[in-house]
Amino acid sequence: MIAPLLIAALAALVTASAELSSSAALDSSRVLGGELWRLFSGHLAHLSWRHFLMDAPIFVALYASFSRRSTPSCARRLMLFASLPVSLTVMTAGMHQVYGGLSGLSCAAVSALLLGMILDRPSSPLPYLLAGAFCHYLFSLEGVASGIAVAHEAHLAGTFCGGLFVLVTRRRAEVPLLRDIQVEGTGPAPLLLEPPLSENLALLARPVAGNLHVHPQ
């Protein structure tokens, strides 16, 4: 819960300063010129206070919810996992010279939450209805300010990253480790070790020795 609040506070600080906003925004030409930090700091920049107030509370609420369903560290990893692909997608699409906002990361959280609900309750219709409503939102959202177009590519990239993150993390959690394998009712499964070579030779020699007969001369 602390990480989303901290990021929202940093975003407010950046939004309050025109100089910081200019230095943090994802400007494709500046990134190509070597200012690689903008790939991450661009999520903190906002077009206006209205943009920030629409972004930040939703971002905090979504990642707080995801933290409760998983873990705070998992929520932090999701932010990092989605931040770079979202920025690179915006640059690759080339539809926006300058990009800013937390909405791409928020879409990653929504996707992760919805897919988690579907995997946990595949027979329940509610997660599918929510997923359908979210898809409608992705393609119907309009700009928050006159003359500003929504970066749909950022939202789609975030959605893809959130779903992929859940699939990868759940797959890794399902891979059994040897130390976690247990025999029912006996605790951890014992390791099967080969007996020493001397014991093997002794076992082989026993039947041979039993068949030997010494004949007196």
N, C-alpha and C. Protein backbone atom coordinates (compact mmCIF):
# COMPACT_ATOMS: atom_id res chain seq x y z
N MET A 1 0.83 -1.20 0.00
CA MET A 1 0.00 0.00 0.00
C MET A 1 0.86 1.25 0.00
N ILE A 2 2.06 1.16 0.57
CA ILE A 2 2.92 2.34 0.66
C ILE A 2 3.42 2.75 -0.72
N ALA A 3 3.80 1.77 -1.53
CA ALA A 3 4.36 2.09 -2.85
C ALA A 3 3.39 2.87 -3.74
N PRO A 4 2.12 2.48 -3.87
CA PRO A 4 1.19 3.28 -4.69
C PRO A 4 1.02 4.70 -4.16
N LEU A 5 0.96 4.86 -2.85
CA LEU A 5 0.83 6.20 -2.27
C LEU A 5 2.07 7.03 -2.55
N LEU A 6 3.24 6.41 -2.45
CA LEU A 6 4.48 7.12 -2.71
C LEU A 6 4.55 7.56 -4.17
N ILE A 7 4.17 6.70 -5.07
CA ILE A 7 4.19 7.05 -6.49
C ILE A 7 3.19 8.16 -6.78
N ALA A 8 2.01 8.10 -6.17
CA ALA A 8 1.02 9.16 -6.36
C ALA A 8 1.54 10.49 -5.81
N ALA A 9 2.24 10.44 -4.69
CA ALA A 9 2.81 11.67 -4.12
C ALA A 9 3.89 12.24 -5.04
N LEU A 10 4.72 11.39 -5.60
CA LEU A 10 5.74 11.85 -6.54
C LEU A 10 5.10 12.44 -7.79
N ALA A 11 4.02 11.81 -8.24
CA ALA A 11 3.31 12.33 -9.42
C ALA A 11 2.72 13.70 -9.13
N ALA A 12 2.22 13.90 -7.91
CA ALA A 12 1.68 15.22 -7.53
C ALA A 12 2.79 16.26 -7.52
N LEU A 13 3.96 15.87 -7.01
CA LEU A 13 5.10 16.80 -6.98
C LEU A 13 5.52 17.18 -8.39
N VAL A 14 5.57 16.21 -9.28
CA VAL A 14 5.95 16.49 -10.66
C VAL A 14 4.91 17.37 -11.34
N THR A 15 3.65 17.08 -11.10
CA THR A 15 2.57 17.86 -11.72
C THR A 15 2.58 19.30 -11.23
N ALA A 16 2.99 19.51 -10.00
CA ALA A 16 3.00 20.86 -9.43
C ALA A 16 4.10 21.74 -9.99
N SER A 17 5.09 21.15 -10.63
CA SER A 17 6.22 21.90 -11.15
C SER A 17 6.30 21.76 -12.67
N ALA A 18 6.22 22.87 -13.36
CA ALA A 18 6.33 22.83 -14.82
C ALA A 18 7.69 22.32 -15.26
N GLU A 19 8.72 22.69 -14.49
CA GLU A 19 10.08 22.24 -14.84
C GLU A 19 10.22 20.74 -14.68
N LEU A 20 9.69 20.21 -13.55
CA LEU A 20 9.76 18.77 -13.33
C LEU A 20 8.92 18.01 -14.36
N SER A 21 7.77 18.54 -14.69
CA SER A 21 6.92 17.90 -15.69
C SER A 21 7.62 17.81 -17.03
N SER A 22 8.31 18.89 -17.40
CA SER A 22 9.03 18.90 -18.66
C SER A 22 10.18 17.90 -18.66
N SER A 23 10.82 17.74 -17.50
CA SER A 23 11.96 16.82 -17.40
C SER A 23 11.53 15.36 -17.28
N ALA A 24 10.29 15.13 -16.80
CA ALA A 24 9.85 13.76 -16.54
C ALA A 24 9.02 13.17 -17.67
N ALA A 25 8.32 13.99 -18.43
CA ALA A 25 7.38 13.48 -19.44
C ALA A 25 8.09 12.59 -20.45
N LEU A 26 7.35 11.62 -20.96
CA LEU A 26 7.89 10.72 -21.98
C LEU A 26 7.87 11.43 -23.33
N ASP A 27 8.98 12.04 -23.65
CA ASP A 27 9.16 12.73 -24.93
C ASP A 27 10.02 11.83 -25.81
N SER A 28 9.45 11.33 -26.87
CA SER A 28 10.14 10.33 -27.70
C SER A 28 11.47 10.84 -28.23
N SER A 29 11.51 12.09 -28.69
CA SER A 29 12.75 12.62 -29.24
C SER A 29 13.82 12.74 -28.16
N ARG A 30 13.42 13.09 -26.94
CA ARG A 30 14.40 13.20 -25.85
C ARG A 30 14.92 11.82 -25.45
N VAL A 31 14.04 10.84 -25.45
CA VAL A 31 14.48 9.48 -25.11
C VAL A 31 15.48 8.97 -26.14
N LEU A 32 15.19 9.20 -27.41
CA LEU A 32 16.13 8.79 -28.46
C LEU A 32 17.43 9.55 -28.38
N GLY A 33 17.38 10.73 -27.76
CA GLY A 33 18.60 11.51 -27.56
C GLY A 33 19.40 11.08 -26.35
N GLY A 34 18.92 10.08 -25.61
CA GLY A 34 19.70 9.54 -24.49
C GLY A 34 19.07 9.72 -23.13
N GLU A 35 17.93 10.40 -23.02
CA GLU A 35 17.29 10.63 -21.72
C GLU A 35 16.39 9.44 -21.39
N LEU A 36 17.03 8.33 -21.08
CA LEU A 36 16.31 7.07 -20.92
C LEU A 36 15.44 7.03 -19.67
N TRP A 37 15.72 7.89 -18.68
CA TRP A 37 14.91 7.88 -17.47
C TRP A 37 13.45 8.21 -17.76
N ARG A 38 13.20 8.88 -18.86
CA ARG A 38 11.83 9.26 -19.20
C ARG A 38 10.94 8.04 -19.47
N LEU A 39 11.56 6.91 -19.78
CA LEU A 39 10.78 5.69 -19.98
C LEU A 39 10.06 5.28 -18.70
N PHE A 40 10.59 5.68 -17.55
CA PHE A 40 9.97 5.38 -16.26
C PHE A 40 9.30 6.61 -15.65
N SER A 41 9.97 7.76 -15.73
CA SER A 41 9.42 8.96 -15.11
C SER A 41 8.21 9.51 -15.85
N GLY A 42 8.03 9.10 -17.10
CA GLY A 42 6.89 9.59 -17.87
C GLY A 42 5.56 9.27 -17.22
N HIS A 43 5.51 8.19 -16.44
CA HIS A 43 4.26 7.82 -15.78
C HIS A 43 3.91 8.79 -14.65
N LEU A 44 4.87 9.55 -14.19
CA LEU A 44 4.62 10.51 -13.11
C LEU A 44 4.12 11.85 -13.63
N ALA A 45 4.36 12.13 -14.89
CA ALA A 45 3.97 13.43 -15.46
C ALA A 45 2.50 13.41 -15.86
N HIS A 46 1.83 14.56 -15.68
CA HIS A 46 0.42 14.69 -16.06
C HIS A 46 0.20 16.00 -16.79
N LEU A 47 -0.80 16.00 -17.64
CA LEU A 47 -1.08 17.17 -18.47
C LEU A 47 -1.61 18.34 -17.65
N SER A 48 -2.33 18.03 -16.60
CA SER A 48 -2.95 19.06 -15.77
C SER A 48 -3.34 18.43 -14.44
N TRP A 49 -3.81 19.29 -13.51
CA TRP A 49 -4.28 18.76 -12.24
C TRP A 49 -5.53 17.91 -12.42
N ARG A 50 -6.35 18.26 -13.39
CA ARG A 50 -7.53 17.45 -13.67
C ARG A 50 -7.12 16.05 -14.11
N HIS A 51 -6.13 16.00 -14.97
CA HIS A 51 -5.60 14.71 -15.41
C HIS A 51 -5.07 13.92 -14.22
N PHE A 52 -4.33 14.57 -13.35
CA PHE A 52 -3.78 13.90 -12.17
C PHE A 52 -4.88 13.38 -11.26
N LEU A 53 -5.90 14.20 -11.00
CA LEU A 53 -6.97 13.80 -10.09
C LEU A 53 -7.81 12.66 -10.65
N MET A 54 -7.82 12.51 -11.95
CA MET A 54 -8.51 11.36 -12.55
C MET A 54 -7.64 10.11 -12.53
N ASP A 55 -6.35 10.29 -12.54
CA ASP A 55 -5.41 9.17 -12.60
C ASP A 55 -5.04 8.61 -11.23
N ALA A 56 -4.53 9.49 -10.36
CA ALA A 56 -3.88 9.05 -9.13
C ALA A 56 -4.79 8.26 -8.18
N PRO A 57 -5.99 8.75 -7.84
CA PRO A 57 -6.83 7.98 -6.91
C PRO A 57 -7.17 6.58 -7.43
N ILE A 58 -7.44 6.48 -8.72
CA ILE A 58 -7.74 5.17 -9.30
C ILE A 58 -6.52 4.26 -9.23
N PHE A 59 -5.36 4.82 -9.53
CA PHE A 59 -4.11 4.07 -9.47
C PHE A 59 -3.88 3.51 -8.07
N VAL A 60 -4.03 4.36 -7.05
CA VAL A 60 -3.82 3.92 -5.67
C VAL A 60 -4.83 2.84 -5.28
N ALA A 61 -6.09 3.05 -5.62
CA ALA A 61 -7.13 2.08 -5.25
C ALA A 61 -6.89 0.72 -5.92
N LEU A 62 -6.51 0.74 -7.19
CA LEU A 62 -6.31 -0.52 -7.91
C LEU A 62 -5.12 -1.30 -7.35
N TYR A 63 -4.01 -0.62 -7.11
CA TYR A 63 -2.84 -1.34 -6.62
C TYR A 63 -2.98 -1.72 -5.15
N ALA A 64 -3.77 -0.97 -4.39
CA ALA A 64 -4.07 -1.39 -3.03
C ALA A 64 -4.90 -2.68 -3.05
N SER A 65 -5.85 -2.75 -3.95
CA SER A 65 -6.67 -3.95 -4.09
C SER A 65 -5.83 -5.14 -4.56
N PHE A 66 -4.94 -4.89 -5.52
CA PHE A 66 -4.08 -5.97 -6.00
C PHE A 66 -3.13 -6.44 -4.91
N SER A 67 -2.66 -5.52 -4.07
CA SER A 67 -1.78 -5.89 -2.95
C SER A 67 -2.50 -6.81 -1.98
N ARG A 68 -3.78 -6.53 -1.74
CA ARG A 68 -4.55 -7.38 -0.81
C ARG A 68 -4.79 -8.76 -1.41
N ARG A 69 -5.02 -8.83 -2.71
CA ARG A 69 -5.28 -10.13 -3.34
C ARG A 69 -4.00 -10.95 -3.50
N SER A 70 -2.87 -10.29 -3.60
CA SER A 70 -1.60 -11.00 -3.75
C SER A 70 -0.69 -10.61 -2.59
N THR A 71 0.31 -9.80 -2.86
CA THR A 71 1.20 -9.26 -1.82
C THR A 71 1.67 -7.88 -2.26
N PRO A 72 2.09 -7.03 -1.31
CA PRO A 72 2.62 -5.72 -1.70
C PRO A 72 3.83 -5.83 -2.63
N SER A 73 4.69 -6.80 -2.39
CA SER A 73 5.86 -6.96 -3.27
C SER A 73 5.44 -7.36 -4.68
N CYS A 74 4.39 -8.16 -4.78
CA CYS A 74 3.88 -8.55 -6.10
C CYS A 74 3.31 -7.33 -6.83
N ALA A 75 2.67 -6.43 -6.09
CA ALA A 75 2.14 -5.21 -6.71
C ALA A 75 3.28 -4.33 -7.22
N ARG A 76 4.35 -4.24 -6.45
CA ARG A 76 5.50 -3.44 -6.89
C ARG A 76 6.13 -4.04 -8.15
N ARG A 77 6.22 -5.36 -8.18
CA ARG A 77 6.78 -6.01 -9.36
C ARG A 77 5.91 -5.78 -10.59
N LEU A 78 4.61 -5.75 -10.39
CA LEU A 78 3.71 -5.49 -11.52
C LEU A 78 3.93 -4.09 -12.08
N MET A 79 4.10 -3.11 -11.21
CA MET A 79 4.38 -1.74 -11.67
C MET A 79 5.64 -1.70 -12.53
N LEU A 80 6.69 -2.32 -12.03
CA LEU A 80 7.96 -2.32 -12.78
C LEU A 80 7.83 -3.13 -14.06
N PHE A 81 7.11 -4.23 -14.00
CA PHE A 81 6.94 -5.11 -15.15
C PHE A 81 6.23 -4.39 -16.29
N ALA A 82 5.26 -3.53 -15.95
CA ALA A 82 4.45 -2.87 -16.98
C ALA A 82 5.01 -1.54 -17.43
N SER A 83 5.80 -0.88 -16.59
CA SER A 83 6.20 0.50 -16.87
C SER A 83 7.00 0.64 -18.17
N LEU A 84 7.99 -0.21 -18.36
CA LEU A 84 8.82 -0.10 -19.56
C LEU A 84 8.07 -0.49 -20.84
N PRO A 85 7.36 -1.62 -20.88
CA PRO A 85 6.62 -1.95 -22.10
C PRO A 85 5.59 -0.91 -22.50
N VAL A 86 4.92 -0.31 -21.51
CA VAL A 86 3.93 0.74 -21.83
C VAL A 86 4.62 1.91 -22.53
N SER A 87 5.74 2.36 -21.97
CA SER A 87 6.45 3.49 -22.57
C SER A 87 6.98 3.15 -23.96
N LEU A 88 7.54 1.97 -24.10
CA LEU A 88 8.08 1.57 -25.41
C LEU A 88 6.97 1.42 -26.45
N THR A 89 5.81 0.97 -26.01
CA THR A 89 4.68 0.85 -26.94
C THR A 89 4.24 2.22 -27.44
N VAL A 90 4.19 3.19 -26.53
CA VAL A 90 3.81 4.55 -26.92
C VAL A 90 4.81 5.10 -27.94
N MET A 91 6.09 4.87 -27.69
CA MET A 91 7.10 5.36 -28.61
C MET A 91 7.02 4.65 -29.96
N THR A 92 6.83 3.34 -29.93
CA THR A 92 6.79 2.56 -31.17
C THR A 92 5.57 2.92 -32.01
N ALA A 93 4.44 3.12 -31.36
CA ALA A 93 3.22 3.47 -32.09
C ALA A 93 3.36 4.81 -32.78
N GLY A 94 4.10 5.73 -32.17
CA GLY A 94 4.35 7.03 -32.78
C GLY A 94 3.14 7.93 -32.89
N MET A 95 2.11 7.67 -32.10
CA MET A 95 0.89 8.47 -32.17
C MET A 95 0.96 9.70 -31.27
N HIS A 96 1.86 9.67 -30.30
CA HIS A 96 1.98 10.78 -29.35
C HIS A 96 3.45 11.12 -29.17
N GLN A 97 3.79 12.36 -29.44
CA GLN A 97 5.17 12.80 -29.26
C GLN A 97 5.52 12.87 -27.78
N VAL A 98 4.55 13.31 -26.97
CA VAL A 98 4.76 13.43 -25.52
C VAL A 98 3.65 12.66 -24.82
N TYR A 99 4.04 11.87 -23.83
CA TYR A 99 3.07 11.06 -23.09
C TYR A 99 3.33 11.20 -21.60
N GLY A 100 2.26 11.13 -20.83
CA GLY A 100 2.38 11.15 -19.38
C GLY A 100 1.13 10.58 -18.75
N GLY A 101 1.26 10.06 -17.53
CA GLY A 101 0.10 9.58 -16.80
C GLY A 101 0.27 8.17 -16.26
N LEU A 102 -0.56 7.86 -15.27
CA LEU A 102 -0.52 6.57 -14.60
C LEU A 102 -1.54 5.58 -15.16
N SER A 103 -2.30 5.99 -16.16
CA SER A 103 -3.40 5.16 -16.62
C SER A 103 -2.93 3.84 -17.24
N GLY A 104 -1.77 3.85 -17.90
CA GLY A 104 -1.25 2.61 -18.47
C GLY A 104 -0.95 1.59 -17.39
N LEU A 105 -0.36 2.05 -16.28
CA LEU A 105 -0.08 1.15 -15.16
C LEU A 105 -1.37 0.72 -14.47
N SER A 106 -2.35 1.62 -14.43
CA SER A 106 -3.64 1.26 -13.84
C SER A 106 -4.32 0.16 -14.64
N CYS A 107 -4.22 0.24 -15.96
CA CYS A 107 -4.80 -0.81 -16.80
C CYS A 107 -4.13 -2.16 -16.55
N ALA A 108 -2.85 -2.14 -16.25
CA ALA A 108 -2.17 -3.39 -15.91
C ALA A 108 -2.75 -3.99 -14.64
N ALA A 109 -3.04 -3.15 -13.65
CA ALA A 109 -3.63 -3.64 -12.41
C ALA A 109 -5.04 -4.18 -12.63
N VAL A 110 -5.84 -3.47 -13.44
CA VAL A 110 -7.19 -3.95 -13.74
C VAL A 110 -7.14 -5.32 -14.42
N SER A 111 -6.28 -5.44 -15.41
CA SER A 111 -6.14 -6.71 -16.13
C SER A 111 -5.71 -7.83 -15.20
N ALA A 112 -4.75 -7.54 -14.32
CA ALA A 112 -4.27 -8.56 -13.39
C ALA A 112 -5.37 -8.98 -12.42
N LEU A 113 -6.13 -8.01 -11.94
CA LEU A 113 -7.23 -8.33 -11.01
C LEU A 113 -8.30 -9.17 -11.69
N LEU A 114 -8.70 -8.77 -12.90
CA LEU A 114 -9.77 -9.48 -13.59
C LEU A 114 -9.34 -10.90 -13.97
N LEU A 115 -8.13 -11.04 -14.49
CA LEU A 115 -7.68 -12.38 -14.86
C LEU A 115 -7.54 -13.27 -13.63
N GLY A 116 -7.08 -12.68 -12.52
CA GLY A 116 -7.00 -13.45 -11.29
C GLY A 116 -8.37 -13.93 -10.83
N MET A 117 -9.38 -13.07 -10.96
CA MET A 117 -10.74 -13.45 -10.59
C MET A 117 -11.26 -14.57 -11.50
N ILE A 118 -10.97 -14.47 -12.79
CA ILE A 118 -11.43 -15.50 -13.73
C ILE A 118 -10.76 -16.84 -13.44
N LEU A 119 -9.47 -16.82 -13.15
CA LEU A 119 -8.76 -18.06 -12.86
C LEU A 119 -9.21 -18.67 -11.54
N ASP A 120 -9.53 -17.82 -10.58
CA ASP A 120 -9.98 -18.31 -9.27
C ASP A 120 -11.42 -18.81 -9.30
N ARG A 121 -12.26 -18.15 -10.10
CA ARG A 121 -13.68 -18.52 -10.17
C ARG A 121 -14.13 -18.62 -11.63
N PRO A 122 -13.66 -19.62 -12.34
CA PRO A 122 -13.96 -19.70 -13.78
C PRO A 122 -15.44 -19.89 -14.09
N SER A 123 -16.22 -20.38 -13.14
CA SER A 123 -17.64 -20.61 -13.39
C SER A 123 -18.51 -19.41 -13.04
N SER A 124 -17.92 -18.39 -12.44
CA SER A 124 -18.70 -17.21 -12.05
C SER A 124 -18.82 -16.25 -13.24
N PRO A 125 -20.01 -15.73 -13.51
CA PRO A 125 -20.17 -14.81 -14.65
C PRO A 125 -19.67 -13.40 -14.38
N LEU A 126 -19.55 -13.03 -13.10
CA LEU A 126 -19.19 -11.64 -12.77
C LEU A 126 -17.85 -11.21 -13.35
N PRO A 127 -16.77 -12.00 -13.20
CA PRO A 127 -15.49 -11.55 -13.77
C PRO A 127 -15.54 -11.33 -15.28
N TYR A 128 -16.32 -12.15 -15.98
CA TYR A 128 -16.43 -11.99 -17.43
C TYR A 128 -17.20 -10.72 -17.79
N LEU A 129 -18.23 -10.41 -17.00
CA LEU A 129 -18.98 -9.18 -17.23
C LEU A 129 -18.10 -7.96 -16.99
N LEU A 130 -17.31 -8.01 -15.92
CA LEU A 130 -16.40 -6.91 -15.62
C LEU A 130 -15.33 -6.78 -16.70
N ALA A 131 -14.84 -7.90 -17.19
CA ALA A 131 -13.84 -7.87 -18.26
C ALA A 131 -14.43 -7.26 -19.53
N GLY A 132 -15.68 -7.59 -19.84
CA GLY A 132 -16.33 -7.00 -21.00
C GLY A 132 -16.50 -5.50 -20.86
N ALA A 133 -16.89 -5.06 -19.66
CA ALA A 133 -17.04 -3.63 -19.42
C ALA A 133 -15.69 -2.92 -19.53
N PHE A 134 -14.64 -3.57 -19.07
CA PHE A 134 -13.31 -2.97 -19.16
C PHE A 134 -12.86 -2.85 -20.61
N CYS A 135 -13.13 -3.87 -21.41
CA CYS A 135 -12.78 -3.79 -22.83
C CYS A 135 -13.53 -2.65 -23.52
N HIS A 136 -14.79 -2.47 -23.17
CA HIS A 136 -15.55 -1.35 -23.73
C HIS A 136 -14.91 -0.02 -23.33
N TYR A 137 -14.46 0.06 -22.09
CA TYR A 137 -13.80 1.28 -21.60
C TYR A 137 -12.53 1.55 -22.39
N LEU A 138 -11.77 0.50 -22.68
CA LEU A 138 -10.49 0.68 -23.37
C LEU A 138 -10.65 1.38 -24.71
N PHE A 139 -11.71 1.07 -25.41
CA PHE A 139 -11.87 1.58 -26.78
C PHE A 139 -12.83 2.75 -26.90
N SER A 140 -13.46 3.14 -25.79
CA SER A 140 -14.43 4.22 -25.87
C SER A 140 -14.02 5.47 -25.10
N LEU A 141 -12.93 5.38 -24.32
CA LEU A 141 -12.52 6.53 -23.50
C LEU A 141 -12.09 7.69 -24.38
N GLU A 142 -12.54 8.88 -24.01
CA GLU A 142 -12.16 10.09 -24.73
C GLU A 142 -11.17 10.89 -23.90
N GLY A 143 -10.60 11.93 -24.51
CA GLY A 143 -9.61 12.74 -23.84
C GLY A 143 -10.16 13.46 -22.63
N VAL A 144 -9.28 13.71 -21.65
CA VAL A 144 -9.70 14.40 -20.43
C VAL A 144 -9.59 15.90 -20.59
N ALA A 145 -9.02 16.36 -21.67
CA ALA A 145 -8.89 17.80 -21.90
C ALA A 145 -9.08 18.06 -23.39
N SER A 146 -9.55 19.22 -23.70
CA SER A 146 -9.82 19.57 -25.09
C SER A 146 -8.54 19.50 -25.91
N GLY A 147 -8.62 18.80 -27.04
CA GLY A 147 -7.47 18.72 -27.93
C GLY A 147 -6.47 17.66 -27.54
N ILE A 148 -6.70 16.91 -26.46
CA ILE A 148 -5.77 15.88 -26.01
C ILE A 148 -6.39 14.51 -26.26
N ALA A 149 -5.70 13.70 -27.01
CA ALA A 149 -6.20 12.35 -27.32
C ALA A 149 -5.66 11.35 -26.31
N VAL A 150 -6.51 10.42 -25.95
CA VAL A 150 -6.10 9.36 -25.03
C VAL A 150 -5.14 8.41 -25.74
N ALA A 151 -4.09 8.00 -25.03
CA ALA A 151 -3.11 7.07 -25.59
C ALA A 151 -3.63 5.65 -25.43
N HIS A 152 -4.49 5.24 -26.35
CA HIS A 152 -5.08 3.90 -26.25
C HIS A 152 -4.01 2.82 -26.28
N GLU A 153 -2.92 3.09 -27.01
CA GLU A 153 -1.87 2.08 -27.09
C GLU A 153 -1.23 1.82 -25.73
N ALA A 154 -1.16 2.86 -24.89
CA ALA A 154 -0.62 2.68 -23.54
C ALA A 154 -1.55 1.82 -22.70
N HIS A 155 -2.85 2.05 -22.84
CA HIS A 155 -3.82 1.26 -22.09
C HIS A 155 -3.81 -0.20 -22.54
N LEU A 156 -3.71 -0.43 -23.83
CA LEU A 156 -3.67 -1.80 -24.34
C LEU A 156 -2.40 -2.51 -23.90
N ALA A 157 -1.28 -1.80 -23.95
CA ALA A 157 -0.02 -2.40 -23.51
C ALA A 157 -0.06 -2.74 -22.03
N GLY A 158 -0.62 -1.84 -21.22
CA GLY A 158 -0.76 -2.12 -19.80
C GLY A 158 -1.65 -3.31 -19.54
N THR A 159 -2.75 -3.40 -20.28
CA THR A 159 -3.66 -4.54 -20.13
C THR A 159 -2.97 -5.85 -20.46
N PHE A 160 -2.22 -5.86 -21.55
CA PHE A 160 -1.48 -7.07 -21.93
C PHE A 160 -0.46 -7.45 -20.86
N CYS A 161 0.26 -6.46 -20.35
CA CYS A 161 1.29 -6.73 -19.34
C CYS A 161 0.68 -7.28 -18.06
N GLY A 162 -0.46 -6.74 -17.65
CA GLY A 162 -1.11 -7.23 -16.44
C GLY A 162 -1.53 -8.68 -16.56
N GLY A 163 -2.11 -9.04 -17.70
CA GLY A 163 -2.50 -10.43 -17.90
C GLY A 163 -1.30 -11.36 -17.97
N LEU A 164 -0.27 -10.94 -18.69
CA LEU A 164 0.94 -11.75 -18.80
C LEU A 164 1.60 -11.94 -17.44
N PHE A 165 1.62 -10.89 -16.64
CA PHE A 165 2.23 -10.96 -15.31
C PHE A 165 1.54 -12.02 -14.46
N VAL A 166 0.22 -12.05 -14.48
CA VAL A 166 -0.52 -13.03 -13.68
C VAL A 166 -0.23 -14.44 -14.16
N LEU A 167 -0.22 -14.65 -15.47
CA LEU A 167 0.04 -15.99 -16.01
C LEU A 167 1.44 -16.47 -15.64
N VAL A 168 2.42 -15.58 -15.75
CA VAL A 168 3.80 -15.96 -15.45
C VAL A 168 3.97 -16.26 -13.97
N THR A 169 3.46 -15.39 -13.11
CA THR A 169 3.65 -15.59 -11.67
C THR A 169 2.91 -16.83 -11.18
N ARG A 170 1.73 -17.07 -11.71
CA ARG A 170 0.99 -18.27 -11.28
C ARG A 170 1.66 -19.54 -11.80
N ARG A 171 2.19 -19.48 -12.98
CA ARG A 171 2.89 -20.64 -13.53
C ARG A 171 4.11 -20.97 -12.69
N ARG A 172 4.84 -19.95 -12.30
CA ARG A 172 6.03 -20.18 -11.47
C ARG A 172 5.64 -20.74 -10.11
N ALA A 173 4.51 -20.28 -9.57
CA ALA A 173 4.07 -20.76 -8.26
C ALA A 173 3.62 -22.22 -8.31
N GLU A 174 3.21 -22.70 -9.48
CA GLU A 174 2.72 -24.06 -9.61
C GLU A 174 3.84 -25.07 -9.82
N VAL A 175 5.04 -24.61 -10.15
CA VAL A 175 6.15 -25.53 -10.37
C VAL A 175 6.61 -26.09 -9.03
N PRO A 176 6.50 -27.39 -8.81
CA PRO A 176 6.86 -27.95 -7.50
C PRO A 176 8.37 -27.99 -7.32
N LEU A 177 8.80 -27.69 -6.12
CA LEU A 177 10.20 -27.81 -5.75
C LEU A 177 10.41 -29.13 -5.02
N LEU A 178 11.58 -29.69 -5.14
CA LEU A 178 11.86 -30.99 -4.53
C LEU A 178 11.66 -30.95 -3.02
N ARG A 179 12.03 -29.84 -2.41
CA ARG A 179 11.92 -29.76 -0.96
C ARG A 179 10.48 -29.61 -0.50
N ASP A 180 9.56 -29.30 -1.43
CA ASP A 180 8.16 -29.14 -1.08
C ASP A 180 7.35 -30.41 -1.32
N ILE A 181 7.96 -31.41 -1.98
CA ILE A 181 7.24 -32.65 -2.26
C ILE A 181 7.13 -33.44 -0.97
N GLN A 182 5.92 -33.87 -0.63
CA GLN A 182 5.70 -34.61 0.60
C GLN A 182 4.99 -35.92 0.30
N VAL A 183 5.32 -36.92 1.09
CA VAL A 183 4.61 -38.19 1.03
C VAL A 183 3.47 -38.11 2.03
N GLU A 184 2.28 -38.44 1.61
CA GLU A 184 1.10 -38.27 2.46
C GLU A 184 1.28 -38.99 3.78
N GLY A 185 1.14 -38.21 4.87
CA GLY A 185 1.19 -38.75 6.22
C GLY A 185 2.58 -38.95 6.75
N THR A 186 3.63 -38.66 5.98
CA THR A 186 4.99 -38.90 6.46
C THR A 186 5.84 -37.66 6.46
N GLY A 187 5.29 -36.50 6.07
CA GLY A 187 6.10 -35.30 6.02
C GLY A 187 6.92 -35.26 4.75
N PRO A 188 8.03 -34.53 4.76
CA PRO A 188 8.85 -34.40 3.55
C PRO A 188 9.35 -35.75 3.05
N ALA A 189 9.33 -35.92 1.76
CA ALA A 189 9.78 -37.18 1.17
C ALA A 189 11.26 -37.37 1.40
N PRO A 190 11.68 -38.57 1.86
CA PRO A 190 13.11 -38.80 2.08
C PRO A 190 13.85 -38.90 0.76
N LEU A 191 15.10 -38.50 0.79
CA LEU A 191 15.94 -38.63 -0.39
C LEU A 191 16.44 -40.07 -0.49
N LEU A 192 16.42 -40.63 -1.67
CA LEU A 192 16.90 -41.99 -1.89
C LEU A 192 18.36 -41.93 -2.28
N LEU A 193 19.21 -42.50 -1.42
CA LEU A 193 20.64 -42.45 -1.65
C LEU A 193 21.13 -43.85 -1.99
N GLU A 194 22.08 -43.91 -2.91
CA GLU A 194 22.68 -45.19 -3.27
C GLU A 194 23.55 -45.67 -2.11
N PRO A 195 23.52 -46.98 -1.76
CA PRO A 195 24.40 -47.48 -0.71
C PRO A 195 25.85 -47.43 -1.15
N PRO A 196 26.76 -47.41 -0.20
CA PRO A 196 28.18 -47.36 -0.56
C PRO A 196 28.58 -48.56 -1.42
N LEU A 197 29.63 -48.38 -2.19
CA LEU A 197 30.10 -49.45 -3.08
C LEU A 197 30.49 -50.70 -2.31
N SER A 198 31.09 -50.54 -1.11
CA SER A 198 31.52 -51.69 -0.32
C SER A 198 30.34 -52.57 0.06
N GLU A 199 29.18 -51.92 0.38
CA GLU A 199 27.99 -52.70 0.72
C GLU A 199 27.48 -53.46 -0.49
N ASN A 200 27.51 -52.83 -1.65
CA ASN A 200 27.08 -53.52 -2.87
C ASN A 200 27.94 -54.75 -3.15
N LEU A 201 29.24 -54.61 -3.00
CA LEU A 201 30.15 -55.74 -3.24
C LEU A 201 29.92 -56.85 -2.24
N ALA A 202 29.64 -56.47 -0.98
CA ALA A 202 29.40 -57.49 0.04
C ALA A 202 28.14 -58.29 -0.27
N LEU A 203 27.10 -57.57 -0.75
CA LEU A 203 25.86 -58.25 -1.10
C LEU A 203 26.06 -59.22 -2.26
N LEU A 204 26.87 -58.80 -3.23
CA LEU A 204 27.14 -59.67 -4.37
C LEU A 204 27.97 -60.89 -3.98
N ALA A 205 28.84 -60.71 -3.00
CA ALA A 205 29.75 -61.79 -2.62
C ALA A 205 29.07 -62.87 -1.79
N ARG A 206 27.97 -62.52 -1.09
CA ARG A 206 27.33 -63.48 -0.19
C ARG A 206 26.85 -64.75 -0.90
N PRO A 207 26.08 -64.66 -1.94
CA PRO A 207 25.64 -65.91 -2.59
C PRO A 207 26.79 -66.69 -3.20
N VAL A 208 27.79 -65.98 -3.67
CA VAL A 208 28.95 -66.67 -4.24
C VAL A 208 29.68 -67.46 -3.18
N ALA A 209 29.89 -66.84 -2.00
CA ALA A 209 30.60 -67.51 -0.91
C ALA A 209 29.81 -68.70 -0.41
N GLY A 210 28.48 -68.58 -0.43
CA GLY A 210 27.65 -69.69 0.06
C GLY A 210 27.71 -70.91 -0.85
N ASN A 211 28.06 -70.71 -2.10
CA ASN A 211 28.12 -71.83 -3.05
C ASN A 211 29.51 -72.45 -3.17
N LEU A 212 30.47 -71.90 -2.44
CA LEU A 212 31.82 -72.44 -2.50
C LEU A 212 31.95 -73.59 -1.51
N HIS A 213 32.53 -74.71 -1.92
CA HIS A 213 32.75 -75.86 -1.03
C HIS A 213 34.23 -76.21 -1.07
N VAL A 214 34.80 -76.35 0.09
CA VAL A 214 36.22 -76.69 0.18
C VAL A 214 36.33 -78.21 0.31
N HIS A 215 37.03 -78.84 -0.58
CA HIS A 215 37.21 -80.30 -0.55
C HIS A 215 38.55 -80.60 0.08
N PRO A 216 38.53 -81.43 1.10
CA PRO A 216 39.83 -81.76 1.73
C PRO A 216 40.70 -82.56 0.78
N GLN A 217 41.97 -82.34 0.90
CA GLN A 217 42.93 -83.03 0.05
C GLN A 217 43.20 -84.42 0.60
